[in-house]
Structures are given as structure tokens and as C-alpha cells.
Amino acid sequence: MYEAEQRGHTDELAVYELEDSSVPDALIYAGMTTGPAGQSFDFDRRIDEILEWYEPDSEVHNAISKARPYLGAAVKRVVARSG
């Protein structure tokens, strides 16, 4: 949703209901703790690695930067559930 906003596609995305369950959290956790070659990363290292790939003014860089608190909260929820 953050990248859709950066690219001006919020209207297209609005037709889909935002799922509020543990499933999106689990998917976010998987993506935010695994590197491109399958290696384990902690959340901050993974975000930093993603940001290094994209120019600071790119849509992806801006979206990830804005989404960082949302993504981090999802990762924390998964860790808390698995505790």
C-alpha cells in the first residue's frame, strides 16, 4: 500500500479490503527477516539492505522508508506470538 501510494495507484488498490489478521504479519515477517539469497537478517539490517538497492528519491526507497514503522510492528507481533 505504501508503494502504491508513491506510484499514484491508491484508487486501484482501494477496491481490495485490507486484511487484518496474522497472515499479513507472517508474510511481512518472512520478507523482512530474509535476505535475497535466503540468509537470515534482523529487521533493521534487512530494511537498510533494501534501501541501499534503491536511489533515495525512488518510489521503492520512499515507500520502504514510510512503511518502516508499520513493517517493524508486524515483525514484533510475529515475534511476540511465537514467544
Protein backbone atom coordinates (compact mmCIF):
# COMPACT_ATOMS: atom_id res chain seq x y z
CA MET A 1 0.00 0.00 0.00
CA TYR A 2 2.91 2.36 0.65
CA GLU A 3 4.43 1.74 -2.76
CA ALA A 4 1.01 2.05 -4.43
CA GLU A 5 0.70 5.46 -2.78
CA GLN A 6 4.13 6.50 -4.07
CA ARG A 7 3.20 5.43 -7.58
CA GLY A 8 -0.24 7.07 -7.52
CA HIS A 9 -2.21 3.81 -7.54
CA THR A 10 -4.23 4.15 -4.33
CA ASP A 11 -7.54 4.17 -6.24
CA GLU A 12 -6.76 0.83 -7.84
CA LEU A 13 -5.72 -0.64 -4.50
CA ALA A 14 -8.81 0.72 -2.72
CA VAL A 15 -11.03 -1.94 -4.29
CA TYR A 16 -9.26 -4.55 -2.14
CA GLU A 17 -10.05 -4.97 1.53
CA LEU A 18 -7.06 -4.66 3.85
CA GLU A 19 -6.76 -7.96 5.68
CA ASP A 20 -6.44 -7.62 9.43
CA SER A 21 -5.11 -10.97 10.61
CA SER A 22 -1.89 -12.73 11.47
CA VAL A 23 -1.37 -13.75 7.82
CA PRO A 24 -0.11 -10.37 6.55
CA ASP A 25 2.11 -10.13 9.64
CA ALA A 26 3.62 -13.54 8.87
CA LEU A 27 4.26 -12.60 5.25
CA ILE A 28 5.84 -9.31 6.28
CA TYR A 29 7.98 -11.14 8.84
CA ALA A 30 9.20 -13.57 6.18
CA GLY A 31 10.09 -10.78 3.78
CA MET A 32 11.65 -8.53 6.38
CA THR A 33 13.88 -11.13 8.03
CA THR A 34 15.15 -12.94 4.94
CA GLY A 35 17.73 -11.61 2.50
CA PRO A 36 17.71 -12.00 -1.27
CA ALA A 37 19.84 -15.17 -1.10
CA GLY A 38 17.76 -16.72 1.70
CA GLN A 39 20.02 -15.59 4.53
CA SER A 40 18.56 -14.59 7.89
CA PHE A 41 18.56 -10.87 8.62
CA ASP A 42 17.30 -8.90 11.57
CA PHE A 43 14.63 -6.36 10.65
CA ASP A 44 16.78 -3.22 10.71
CA ARG A 45 19.56 -4.83 8.69
CA ARG A 46 17.04 -6.04 6.09
CA ILE A 47 15.44 -2.60 5.75
CA ASP A 48 18.86 -0.98 5.41
CA GLU A 49 19.81 -3.56 2.78
CA ILE A 50 16.66 -2.79 0.76
CA LEU A 51 17.26 0.95 0.99
CA GLU A 52 20.81 0.51 -0.32
CA TRP A 53 19.42 -1.02 -3.53
CA TYR A 54 17.29 1.99 -4.44
CA GLU A 55 18.07 5.65 -5.04
CA PRO A 56 16.90 7.90 -2.16
CA ASP A 57 14.29 9.60 -4.38
CA SER A 58 12.86 6.39 -5.87
CA GLU A 59 9.33 5.16 -5.21
CA VAL A 60 10.57 1.99 -3.51
CA HIS A 61 13.02 3.85 -1.26
CA ASN A 62 10.31 6.32 -0.22
CA ALA A 63 7.72 3.59 0.30
CA ILE A 64 10.01 1.42 2.44
CA SER A 65 11.09 4.44 4.47
CA LYS A 66 7.47 5.40 5.16
CA ALA A 67 6.42 1.79 5.81
CA ARG A 68 9.28 1.04 8.21
CA PRO A 69 7.21 1.58 11.40
CA TYR A 70 4.30 -0.49 10.01
CA LEU A 71 6.60 -3.30 8.88
CA GLY A 72 8.52 -3.24 12.16
CA ALA A 73 5.31 -3.51 14.17
CA ALA A 74 4.26 -6.55 12.12
CA VAL A 75 7.62 -8.23 12.77
CA LYS A 76 7.29 -7.52 16.50
CA ARG A 77 3.78 -9.02 16.58
CA VAL A 78 5.03 -12.25 15.00
CA VAL A 79 7.92 -12.48 17.46
CA ALA A 80 5.53 -11.87 20.37
CA ARG A 81 3.13 -14.57 19.12
CA SER A 82 5.92 -17.10 18.79
CA GLY A 83 7.33 -16.31 22.24
